[in-house]
Amino acid sequence: MDNKIKLPEMFGPEIIEQFKSLWSSVTAIDQQARKITDEMPNKMTIQMIQNMAKGFSLIRPKWTLEVLLAIWMLENPRFSLISNSIPELNNRTLSMRLTSLEENGIILRQISPTKPVEIRYSISAKGIALVCFLRPFAIILFHIDNDQSLDWLTA
């Protein structure tokens, strides 16, 4: 008896088709990148690796990814809503992560001129690109962590 959860049962046929399309695009981009990299001098390859490392360093600190995803899912939340959505995260760390994400252009901080002042957070275009880049990894890691088949990727 196969008790592995299949992706379509979890997410529905529309999501699986979107993911397959995204995976196909990622594969095509990877193949093109490999071709370009093979033709590049080593200096350019090193620069690409350094750029990737810098990109991953933006989300490496603990709780950064959770904060980013909370802002994305909650749509323009206030500090208190983000804090309540991640109960294990203390307010000091949340404040530090919000500051870091804002300084790196991943999120935007909007201050309304009302009384009392209302501060809301949203994801910038750079942050949306980062979330879209990370979503396929999250799905794949979910399957790996739960010992589930990834055969649907090549089906």
Protein backbone atom coordinates (compact mmCIF):
# COMPACT_ATOMS: atom_id res chain seq x y z
CA MET A 1 0.00 0.00 0.00
CA ASP A 2 1.38 3.38 -1.03
CA ASN A 3 0.70 5.90 1.73
CA LYS A 4 2.69 8.72 0.15
CA ILE A 5 0.79 11.93 -0.46
CA LYS A 6 0.77 12.99 -4.09
CA LEU A 7 1.17 16.69 -4.87
CA PRO A 8 -2.13 16.99 -6.79
CA GLU A 9 -4.08 15.67 -3.79
CA MET A 10 -2.46 18.25 -1.56
CA PHE A 11 -2.65 21.30 -3.82
CA GLY A 12 -5.13 20.55 -6.59
CA PRO A 13 -4.66 20.16 -10.35
CA GLU A 14 -4.18 23.89 -11.04
CA ILE A 15 -1.28 24.18 -8.61
CA ILE A 16 0.41 21.05 -9.94
CA GLU A 17 0.21 22.38 -13.51
CA GLN A 18 1.59 25.76 -12.41
CA PHE A 19 4.38 24.04 -10.54
CA LYS A 20 5.23 21.77 -13.49
CA SER A 21 5.33 24.82 -15.73
CA LEU A 22 7.51 26.67 -13.23
CA TRP A 23 9.76 23.60 -12.86
CA SER A 24 10.08 23.37 -16.63
CA SER A 25 11.07 27.04 -16.75
CA VAL A 26 13.57 26.59 -13.92
CA THR A 27 15.07 23.60 -15.75
CA ALA A 28 15.33 25.56 -18.99
CA ILE A 29 16.92 28.52 -17.19
CA ASP A 30 19.34 26.15 -15.44
CA GLN A 31 20.35 24.59 -18.76
CA GLN A 32 20.86 28.02 -20.31
CA ALA A 33 22.84 29.17 -17.26
CA ARG A 34 25.05 26.08 -17.48
CA LYS A 35 25.69 26.80 -21.15
CA ILE A 36 26.53 30.44 -20.43
CA THR A 37 28.68 29.47 -17.44
CA ASP A 38 30.63 26.96 -19.53
CA GLU A 39 31.41 29.74 -21.99
CA MET A 40 32.37 32.27 -19.32
CA PRO A 41 35.80 32.89 -17.96
CA ASN A 42 36.29 31.70 -14.37
CA LYS A 43 36.11 35.29 -13.10
CA MET A 44 32.45 35.56 -14.19
CA THR A 45 31.61 32.18 -12.62
CA ILE A 46 33.12 33.32 -9.34
CA GLN A 47 31.05 36.53 -9.52
CA MET A 48 27.86 34.49 -10.03
CA ILE A 49 28.66 32.34 -6.99
CA GLN A 50 29.34 35.45 -4.91
CA ASN A 51 26.01 36.95 -6.02
CA MET A 52 24.16 33.77 -5.07
CA ALA A 53 25.86 33.69 -1.68
CA LYS A 54 24.89 37.32 -1.09
CA GLY A 55 21.28 36.54 -2.02
CA PHE A 56 21.08 33.61 0.37
CA SER A 57 22.71 35.66 3.13
CA LEU A 58 19.65 37.96 3.07
CA ILE A 59 17.40 35.15 4.30
CA ARG A 60 19.93 33.15 6.33
CA PRO A 61 19.43 34.77 9.76
CA LYS A 62 16.97 32.87 11.94
CA TRP A 63 13.33 33.98 11.55
CA THR A 64 13.99 36.09 8.44
CA LEU A 65 12.21 33.74 6.06
CA GLU A 66 9.29 33.31 8.45
CA VAL A 67 8.88 37.09 8.73
CA LEU A 68 9.06 37.51 4.96
CA LEU A 69 6.46 34.80 4.37
CA ALA A 70 4.18 36.22 7.08
CA ILE A 71 4.22 39.63 5.39
CA TRP A 72 3.53 38.01 2.03
CA MET A 73 0.64 35.88 3.30
CA LEU A 74 -0.94 38.51 5.58
CA GLU A 75 -0.92 41.32 2.98
CA ASN A 76 0.23 44.65 4.46
CA PRO A 77 0.22 43.60 8.11
CA ARG A 78 1.05 45.74 11.10
CA PHE A 79 3.83 44.76 13.49
CA SER A 80 1.40 43.21 15.97
CA LEU A 81 -0.19 40.95 13.34
CA ILE A 82 3.22 39.68 12.23
CA SER A 83 4.20 39.13 15.86
CA ASN A 84 0.97 37.23 16.59
CA SER A 85 1.41 35.04 13.51
CA ILE A 86 4.84 33.83 14.71
CA PRO A 87 4.35 33.30 18.47
CA GLU A 88 7.85 31.84 19.03
CA LEU A 89 9.46 35.07 17.77
CA ASN A 90 10.11 37.83 20.31
CA ASN A 91 9.42 41.47 19.39
CA ARG A 92 13.07 42.54 19.55
CA THR A 93 14.11 39.92 16.99
CA LEU A 94 11.08 40.73 14.83
CA SER A 95 12.08 44.39 14.85
CA MET A 96 15.65 43.50 13.83
CA ARG A 97 14.45 41.26 10.98
CA LEU A 98 12.03 43.89 9.69
CA THR A 99 14.80 46.50 9.73
CA SER A 100 17.18 44.18 7.87
CA LEU A 101 14.60 43.23 5.25
CA GLU A 102 13.72 46.90 4.73
CA GLU A 103 17.37 47.98 4.47
CA ASN A 104 17.96 45.29 1.84
CA GLY A 105 14.93 46.36 -0.21
CA ILE A 106 13.02 43.12 0.38
CA ILE A 107 10.08 44.75 2.17
CA LEU A 108 8.57 48.23 2.27
CA ARG A 109 7.50 50.09 5.38
CA GLN A 110 4.50 52.39 4.95
CA ILE A 111 3.70 55.02 7.56
CA SER A 112 0.22 56.51 7.42
CA PRO A 113 -0.23 60.13 8.53
CA THR A 114 -3.11 59.19 10.84
CA LYS A 115 -3.30 59.60 14.59
CA PRO A 116 -2.17 57.32 16.01
CA VAL A 117 0.44 56.62 13.35
CA GLU A 118 -0.11 53.32 11.57
CA ILE A 119 2.86 51.38 10.19
CA ARG A 120 2.29 48.56 7.73
CA TYR A 121 4.70 46.30 5.90
CA SER A 122 4.52 44.95 2.36
CA ILE A 123 6.79 43.02 0.05
CA SER A 124 8.76 44.92 -2.58
CA ALA A 125 9.24 43.67 -6.15
CA LYS A 126 12.60 42.29 -5.02
CA GLY A 127 10.88 40.46 -2.16
CA ILE A 128 8.21 39.01 -4.47
CA ALA A 129 10.95 37.69 -6.75
CA LEU A 130 12.65 36.12 -3.73
CA VAL A 131 9.43 34.45 -2.52
CA CYS A 132 8.69 33.14 -6.03
CA PHE A 133 12.24 31.78 -6.23
CA LEU A 134 11.90 30.02 -2.86
CA ARG A 135 8.43 28.48 -3.31
CA PRO A 136 9.58 25.52 -5.46
CA PHE A 137 12.29 24.75 -2.92
CA ALA A 138 9.74 24.79 -0.12
CA ILE A 139 7.51 22.29 -1.92
CA ILE A 140 10.42 20.00 -2.75
CA LEU A 141 11.83 20.18 0.78
CA PHE A 142 8.37 19.38 2.18
CA HIS A 143 8.36 16.18 0.11
CA ILE A 144 11.91 15.28 1.06
CA ASP A 145 11.27 15.91 4.78
CA ASN A 146 8.19 13.68 4.63
CA ASP A 147 9.87 10.91 2.59
CA GLN A 148 7.49 11.51 -0.29
CA SER A 149 8.10 10.74 -3.93
CA LEU A 150 9.22 13.44 -6.34
CA ASP A 151 8.32 11.36 -9.40
CA TRP A 152 5.63 13.89 -10.35
CA LEU A 153 8.40 16.33 -11.33
CA THR A 154 9.32 14.22 -14.32
CA ALA A 155 5.83 12.91 -15.15
